[in-house]
């Protein structure tokens, strides 16, 4: 078995993977995570709550495009 050393601190919570592809996917997922400010998280939480409380209050992409063309 070969040991690979990476100098960058990736903050891995998992250290064993079945395949190299599993490791690559894990690293990509880590890179995509971002820390949000409390204010930003609050806005997202409000939007999710609004969506849950009003599930039918949406437009399809076609309806949105049609409304934009009318204006």
PDB file of N, CA and C in Angstrom:
ATOM      1  N   UNK A   1       0.844  -1.175   0.000  1.00  0.00           N
ATOM      2  CA  UNK A   1       0.000   0.000   0.000  1.00  0.00           C
ATOM      3  C   UNK A   1       0.889   1.237   0.000  1.00  0.00           C
ATOM      4  N   UNK A   2       0.490   2.229  -0.756  1.00  0.00           N
ATOM      5  CA  UNK A   2       1.225   3.482  -0.838  1.00  0.00           C
ATOM      6  C   UNK A   2       0.537   4.524   0.019  1.00  0.00           C
ATOM      7  N   UNK A   3       1.327   5.284   0.762  1.00  0.00           N
ATOM      8  CA  UNK A   3       0.785   6.378   1.560  1.00  0.00           C
ATOM      9  C   UNK A   3       0.954   7.667   0.783  1.00  0.00           C
ATOM     10  N   UNK A   4      -0.115   8.427   0.704  1.00  0.00           N
ATOM     11  CA  UNK A   4      -0.091   9.707   0.009  1.00  0.00           C
ATOM     12  C   UNK A   4      -0.178  10.813   1.052  1.00  0.00           C
ATOM     13  N   UNK A   5       0.654  11.813   0.900  1.00  0.00           N
ATOM     14  CA  UNK A   5       0.671  12.935   1.832  1.00  0.00           C
ATOM     15  C   UNK A   5       0.186  14.192   1.116  1.00  0.00           C
ATOM     16  N   UNK A   6      -0.740  14.900   1.747  1.00  0.00           N
ATOM     17  CA  UNK A   6      -1.263  16.153   1.194  1.00  0.00           C
ATOM     18  C   UNK A   6      -1.001  17.242   2.221  1.00  0.00           C
ATOM     19  N   UNK A   7      -0.291  18.287   1.820  1.00  0.00           N
ATOM     20  CA  UNK A   7       0.078  19.343   2.758  1.00  0.00           C
ATOM     21  C   UNK A   7      -1.096  20.232   3.145  1.00  0.00           C
ATOM     22  N   UNK A   8      -2.033  20.423   2.225  1.00  0.00           N
ATOM     23  CA  UNK A   8      -3.194  21.264   2.512  1.00  0.00           C
ATOM     24  C   UNK A   8      -4.073  20.595   3.567  1.00  0.00           C
ATOM     25  N   UNK A   9      -4.534  21.360   4.540  1.00  0.00           N
ATOM     26  CA  UNK A   9      -5.409  20.821   5.570  1.00  0.00           C
ATOM     27  C   UNK A   9      -6.832  20.736   5.018  1.00  0.00           C
ATOM     28  N   UNK A  10      -7.246  19.543   4.638  1.00  0.00           N
ATOM     29  CA  UNK A  10      -8.564  19.348   4.049  1.00  0.00           C
ATOM     30  C   UNK A  10      -9.653  19.113   5.094  1.00  0.00           C
ATOM     31  N   UNK A  11      -9.278  18.940   6.337  1.00  0.00           N
ATOM     32  CA  UNK A  11     -10.229  18.690   7.434  1.00  0.00           C
ATOM     33  C   UNK A  11     -11.114  17.490   7.105  1.00  0.00           C
ATOM     34  N   UNK A  12     -10.481  16.378   6.817  1.00  0.00           N
ATOM     35  CA  UNK A  12     -11.211  15.165   6.461  1.00  0.00           C
ATOM     36  C   UNK A  12     -11.834  14.538   7.697  1.00  0.00           C
ATOM     37  N   UNK A  13     -13.128  14.214   7.616  1.00  0.00           N
ATOM     38  CA  UNK A  13     -13.776  13.495   8.711  1.00  0.00           C
ATOM     39  C   UNK A  13     -13.784  12.000   8.413  1.00  0.00           C
ATOM     40  N   UNK A  14     -13.464  11.653   7.194  1.00  0.00           N
ATOM     41  CA  UNK A  14     -13.410  10.254   6.762  1.00  0.00           C
ATOM     42  C   UNK A  14     -11.999  10.001   6.245  1.00  0.00           C
ATOM     43  N   UNK A  15     -11.406   8.889   6.629  1.00  0.00           N
ATOM     44  CA  UNK A  15     -10.029   8.623   6.209  1.00  0.00           C
ATOM     45  C   UNK A  15      -9.872   7.351   5.391  1.00  0.00           C
ATOM     46  N   UNK A  16     -10.932   6.594   5.209  1.00  0.00           N
ATOM     47  CA  UNK A  16     -10.848   5.384   4.392  1.00  0.00           C
ATOM     48  C   UNK A  16     -11.933   5.426   3.327  1.00  0.00           C
ATOM     49  N   UNK A  17     -11.551   5.064   2.108  1.00  0.00           N
ATOM     50  CA  UNK A  17     -12.453   5.099   0.972  1.00  0.00           C
ATOM     51  C   UNK A  17     -12.323   3.804   0.196  1.00  0.00           C
ATOM     52  N   UNK A  18     -13.396   3.372  -0.421  1.00  0.00           N
ATOM     53  CA  UNK A  18     -13.386   2.142  -1.207  1.00  0.00           C
ATOM     54  C   UNK A  18     -12.558   2.289  -2.478  1.00  0.00           C
ATOM     55  N   UNK A  19     -12.695   3.453  -3.141  1.00  0.00           N
ATOM     56  CA  UNK A  19     -11.989   3.670  -4.400  1.00  0.00           C
ATOM     57  C   UNK A  19     -11.454   5.101  -4.445  1.00  0.00           C
ATOM     58  N   UNK A  20     -10.585   5.351  -5.399  1.00  0.00           N
ATOM     59  CA  UNK A  20     -10.076   6.701  -5.603  1.00  0.00           C
ATOM     60  C   UNK A  20     -11.214   7.631  -5.993  1.00  0.00           C
ATOM     61  N   UNK A  21     -12.157   7.114  -6.767  1.00  0.00           N
ATOM     62  CA  UNK A  21     -13.312   7.918  -7.172  1.00  0.00           C
ATOM     63  C   UNK A  21     -14.136   8.350  -5.953  1.00  0.00           C
ATOM     64  N   UNK A  22     -14.303   7.457  -4.982  1.00  0.00           N
ATOM     65  CA  UNK A  22     -15.018   7.822  -3.752  1.00  0.00           C
ATOM     66  C   UNK A  22     -14.303   8.967  -3.035  1.00  0.00           C
ATOM     67  N   UNK A  23     -12.972   8.891  -2.982  1.00  0.00           N
ATOM     68  CA  UNK A  23     -12.188   9.947  -2.350  1.00  0.00           C
ATOM     69  C   UNK A  23     -12.346  11.262  -3.118  1.00  0.00           C
ATOM     70  N   UNK A  24     -12.271  11.193  -4.456  1.00  0.00           N
ATOM     71  CA  UNK A  24     -12.426  12.398  -5.275  1.00  0.00           C
ATOM     72  C   UNK A  24     -13.788  13.048  -5.045  1.00  0.00           C
ATOM     73  N   UNK A  25     -14.831  12.234  -5.006  1.00  0.00           N
ATOM     74  CA  UNK A  25     -16.172  12.763  -4.792  1.00  0.00           C
ATOM     75  C   UNK A  25     -16.296  13.385  -3.404  1.00  0.00           C
ATOM     76  N   UNK A  26     -15.648  12.775  -2.427  1.00  0.00           N
ATOM     77  CA  UNK A  26     -15.656  13.305  -1.067  1.00  0.00           C
ATOM     78  C   UNK A  26     -14.972  14.673  -1.023  1.00  0.00           C
ATOM     79  N   UNK A  27     -13.840  14.805  -1.677  1.00  0.00           N
ATOM     80  CA  UNK A  27     -13.109  16.078  -1.696  1.00  0.00           C
ATOM     81  C   UNK A  27     -13.914  17.148  -2.437  1.00  0.00           C
ATOM     82  N   UNK A  28     -14.534  16.787  -3.547  1.00  0.00           N
ATOM     83  CA  UNK A  28     -15.366  17.741  -4.290  1.00  0.00           C
ATOM     84  C   UNK A  28     -16.507  18.229  -3.398  1.00  0.00           C
ATOM     85  N   UNK A  29     -17.148  17.320  -2.685  1.00  0.00           N
ATOM     86  CA  UNK A  29     -18.246  17.707  -1.793  1.00  0.00           C
ATOM     87  C   UNK A  29     -17.746  18.646  -0.703  1.00  0.00           C
ATOM     88  N   UNK A  30     -16.556  18.379  -0.179  1.00  0.00           N
ATOM     89  CA  UNK A  30     -15.977  19.272   0.849  1.00  0.00           C
ATOM     90  C   UNK A  30     -15.745  20.662   0.280  1.00  0.00           C
ATOM     91  N   UNK A  31     -15.247  20.721  -0.934  1.00  0.00           N
ATOM     92  CA  UNK A  31     -14.948  22.012  -1.569  1.00  0.00           C
ATOM     93  C   UNK A  31     -16.223  22.807  -1.842  1.00  0.00           C
ATOM     94  N   UNK A  32     -17.317  22.109  -2.088  1.00  0.00           N
ATOM     95  CA  UNK A  32     -18.562  22.792  -2.410  1.00  0.00           C
ATOM     96  C   UNK A  32     -19.258  23.336  -1.172  1.00  0.00           C
ATOM     97  N   UNK A  33     -18.946  22.801  -0.006  1.00  0.00           N
ATOM     98  CA  UNK A  33     -19.548  23.308   1.218  1.00  0.00           C
ATOM     99  C   UNK A  33     -18.971  24.686   1.504  1.00  0.00           C
ATOM    100  N   UNK A  34     -19.812  25.560   1.969  1.00  0.00           N
ATOM    101  CA  UNK A  34     -19.319  26.873   2.345  1.00  0.00           C
ATOM    102  C   UNK A  34     -19.996  27.315   3.630  1.00  0.00           C
ATOM    103  N   UNK A  35     -19.269  28.070   4.397  1.00  0.00           N
ATOM    104  CA  UNK A  35     -19.827  28.596   5.627  1.00  0.00           C
ATOM    105  C   UNK A  35     -20.629  29.843   5.307  1.00  0.00           C
ATOM    106  N   UNK A  36     -21.864  29.861   5.754  1.00  0.00           N
ATOM    107  CA  UNK A  36     -22.721  31.008   5.532  1.00  0.00           C
ATOM    108  C   UNK A  36     -22.754  31.866   6.785  1.00  0.00           C
ATOM    109  N   UNK A  37     -22.916  33.162   6.579  1.00  0.00           N
ATOM    110  CA  UNK A  37     -23.072  34.036   7.739  1.00  0.00           C
ATOM    111  C   UNK A  37     -24.414  33.721   8.382  1.00  0.00           C
ATOM    112  N   UNK A  38     -24.582  34.094   9.628  1.00  0.00           N
ATOM    113  CA  UNK A  38     -25.845  33.853  10.328  1.00  0.00           C
ATOM    114  C   UNK A  38     -26.989  34.563   9.611  1.00  0.00           C
ATOM    115  N   UNK A  39     -26.717  35.758   9.089  1.00  0.00           N
ATOM    116  CA  UNK A  39     -27.743  36.522   8.379  1.00  0.00           C
ATOM    117  C   UNK A  39     -28.178  35.803   7.100  1.00  0.00           C
ATOM    118  N   UNK A  40     -27.198  35.314   6.342  1.00  0.00           N
ATOM    119  CA  UNK A  40     -27.506  34.600   5.100  1.00  0.00           C
ATOM    120  C   UNK A  40     -28.270  33.320   5.401  1.00  0.00           C
ATOM    121  N   UNK A  41     -27.848  32.586   6.425  1.00  0.00           N
ATOM    122  CA  UNK A  41     -28.535  31.354   6.796  1.00  0.00           C
ATOM    123  C   UNK A  41     -29.964  31.645   7.209  1.00  0.00           C
ATOM    124  N   UNK A  42     -30.176  32.755   7.918  1.00  0.00           N
ATOM    125  CA  UNK A  42     -31.514  33.151   8.343  1.00  0.00           C
ATOM    126  C   UNK A  42     -32.418  33.425   7.146  1.00  0.00           C
ATOM    127  N   UNK A  43     -31.889  34.110   6.139  1.00  0.00           N
ATOM    128  CA  UNK A  43     -32.658  34.393   4.923  1.00  0.00           C
ATOM    129  C   UNK A  43     -33.047  33.095   4.228  1.00  0.00           C
ATOM    130  N   UNK A  44     -32.098  32.169   4.105  1.00  0.00           N
ATOM    131  CA  UNK A  44     -32.397  30.883   3.464  1.00  0.00           C
ATOM    132  C   UNK A  44     -33.439  30.099   4.262  1.00  0.00           C
ATOM    133  N   UNK A  45     -33.326  30.127   5.586  1.00  0.00           N
ATOM    134  CA  UNK A  45     -34.296  29.441   6.439  1.00  0.00           C
ATOM    135  C   UNK A  45     -35.686  30.031   6.262  1.00  0.00           C
ATOM    136  N   UNK A  46     -35.766  31.368   6.159  1.00  0.00           N
ATOM    137  CA  UNK A  46     -37.064  32.031   5.954  1.00  0.00           C
ATOM    138  C   UNK A  46     -37.668  31.612   4.611  1.00  0.00           C
ATOM    139  N   UNK A  47     -36.856  31.546   3.589  1.00  0.00           N
ATOM    140  CA  UNK A  47     -37.346  31.151   2.266  1.00  0.00           C
ATOM    141  C   UNK A  47     -37.834  29.707   2.262  1.00  0.00           C
ATOM    142  N   UNK A  48     -37.096  28.816   2.936  1.00  0.00           N
ATOM    143  CA  UNK A  48     -37.520  27.423   3.020  1.00  0.00           C
ATOM    144  C   UNK A  48     -38.822  27.287   3.806  1.00  0.00           C
ATOM    145  N   UNK A  49     -38.957  28.060   4.890  1.00  0.00           N
ATOM    146  CA  UNK A  49     -40.186  28.038   5.684  1.00  0.00           C
ATOM    147  C   UNK A  49     -41.358  28.539   4.853  1.00  0.00           C
ATOM    148  N   UNK A  50     -41.143  29.615   4.090  1.00  0.00           N
ATOM    149  CA  UNK A  50     -42.196  30.158   3.236  1.00  0.00           C
ATOM    150  C   UNK A  50     -42.623  29.128   2.200  1.00  0.00           C
ATOM    151  N   UNK A  51     -41.681  28.429   1.623  1.00  0.00           N
ATOM    152  CA  UNK A  51     -41.981  27.397   0.634  1.00  0.00           C
ATOM    153  C   UNK A  51     -42.792  26.270   1.270  1.00  0.00           C
ATOM    154  N   UNK A  52     -42.446  25.892   2.497  1.00  0.00           N
ATOM    155  CA  UNK A  52     -43.175  24.825   3.194  1.00  0.00           C
ATOM    156  C   UNK A  52     -44.596  25.254   3.539  1.00  0.00           C
ATOM    157  N   UNK A  53     -44.755  26.517   3.934  1.00  0.00           N
ATOM    158  CA  UNK A  53     -46.068  27.022   4.333  1.00  0.00           C
ATOM    159  C   UNK A  53     -46.962  27.315   3.135  1.00  0.00           C
ATOM    160  N   UNK A  54     -46.380  27.592   1.978  1.00  0.00           N
ATOM    161  CA  UNK A  54     -47.136  27.944   0.775  1.00  0.00           C
ATOM    162  C   UNK A  54     -46.661  27.123  -0.426  1.00  0.00           C
ATOM    163  N   UNK A  55     -46.866  25.819  -0.384  1.00  0.00           N
ATOM    164  CA  UNK A  55     -46.308  24.968  -1.455  1.00  0.00           C
ATOM    165  C   UNK A  55     -46.875  25.248  -2.844  1.00  0.00           C
ATOM    166  N   UNK A  56     -48.098  25.776  -2.935  1.00  0.00           N
ATOM    167  CA  UNK A  56     -48.690  26.024  -4.237  1.00  0.00           C
ATOM    168  C   UNK A  56     -48.394  27.410  -4.782  1.00  0.00           C
ATOM    169  N   UNK A  57     -47.679  28.199  -4.029  1.00  0.00           N
ATOM    170  CA  UNK A  57     -47.403  29.586  -4.411  1.00  0.00           C
ATOM    171  C   UNK A  57     -46.114  29.663  -5.228  1.00  0.00           C
ATOM    172  N   UNK A  58     -46.133  29.022  -6.395  1.00  0.00           N
ATOM    173  CA  UNK A  58     -44.946  28.988  -7.253  1.00  0.00           C
ATOM    174  C   UNK A  58     -45.349  29.194  -8.702  1.00  0.00           C
ATOM    175  N   UNK A  59     -44.367  29.477  -9.528  1.00  0.00           N
ATOM    176  CA  UNK A  59     -44.557  29.587 -10.970  1.00  0.00           C
ATOM    177  C   UNK A  59     -43.656  28.583 -11.656  1.00  0.00           C
ATOM    178  N   UNK A  60     -44.132  28.024 -12.741  1.00  0.00           N
ATOM    179  CA  UNK A  60     -43.253  27.188 -13.550  1.00  0.00           C
ATOM    180  C   UNK A  60     -42.345  28.118 -14.347  1.00  0.00           C
ATOM    181  N   UNK A  61     -41.296  27.590 -14.911  1.00  0.00           N
ATOM    182  CA  UNK A  61     -40.394  28.411 -15.712  1.00  0.00           C
ATOM    183  C   UNK A  61     -41.133  28.969 -16.926  1.00  0.00           C
ATOM    184  N   UNK A  62     -42.060  28.186 -17.481  1.00  0.00           N
ATOM    185  CA  UNK A  62     -42.839  28.655 -18.619  1.00  0.00           C
ATOM    186  C   UNK A  62     -43.737  29.830 -18.229  1.00  0.00           C
ATOM    187  N   UNK A  63     -44.370  29.744 -17.051  1.00  0.00           N
ATOM    188  CA  UNK A  63     -45.221  30.840 -16.571  1.00  0.00           C
ATOM    189  C   UNK A  63     -44.396  32.104 -16.327  1.00  0.00           C
ATOM    190  N   UNK A  64     -43.213  31.942 -15.778  1.00  0.00           N
ATOM    191  CA  UNK A  64     -42.337  33.089 -15.535  1.00  0.00           C
ATOM    192  C   UNK A  64     -41.944  33.753 -16.853  1.00  0.00           C
ATOM    193  N   UNK A  65     -41.536  32.947 -17.822  1.00  0.00           N
ATOM    194  CA  UNK A  65     -41.140  33.505 -19.130  1.00  0.00           C
ATOM    195  C   UNK A  65     -42.319  34.228 -19.784  1.00  0.00           C
ATOM    196  N   UNK A  66     -43.511  33.642 -19.699  1.00  0.00           N
ATOM    197  CA  UNK A  66     -44.694  34.264 -20.304  1.00  0.00           C
ATOM    198  C   UNK A  66     -44.993  35.601 -19.627  1.00  0.00           C
ATOM    199  N   UNK A  67     -44.867  35.659 -18.322  1.00  0.00           N
ATOM    200  CA  UNK A  67     -45.157  36.917 -17.620  1.00  0.00           C
ATOM    201  C   UNK A  67     -44.126  37.984 -17.963  1.00  0.00           C
ATOM    202  N   UNK A  68     -42.899  37.582 -18.206  1.00  0.00           N
ATOM    203  CA  UNK A  68     -41.868  38.552 -18.569  1.00  0.00           C
ATOM    204  C   UNK A  68     -42.089  39.090 -19.986  1.00  0.00           C
ATOM    205  N   UNK A  69     -42.568  38.232 -20.870  1.00  0.00           N
ATOM    206  CA  UNK A  69     -42.835  38.660 -22.247  1.00  0.00           C
ATOM    207  C   UNK A  69     -43.993  39.660 -22.298  1.00  0.00           C
ATOM    208  N   UNK A  70     -44.972  39.499 -21.411  1.00  0.00           N
ATOM    209  CA  UNK A  70     -46.128  40.397 -21.393  1.00  0.00           C
ATOM    210  C   UNK A  70     -45.741  41.796 -20.944  1.00  0.00           C
ATOM    211  N   UNK A  71     -44.698  41.927 -20.195  1.00  0.00           N
ATOM    212  CA  UNK A  71     -44.300  43.233 -19.665  1.00  0.00           C
ATOM    213  C   UNK A  71     -43.481  43.929 -20.667  1.00  0.00           C
TER     214      UNK A  71
END
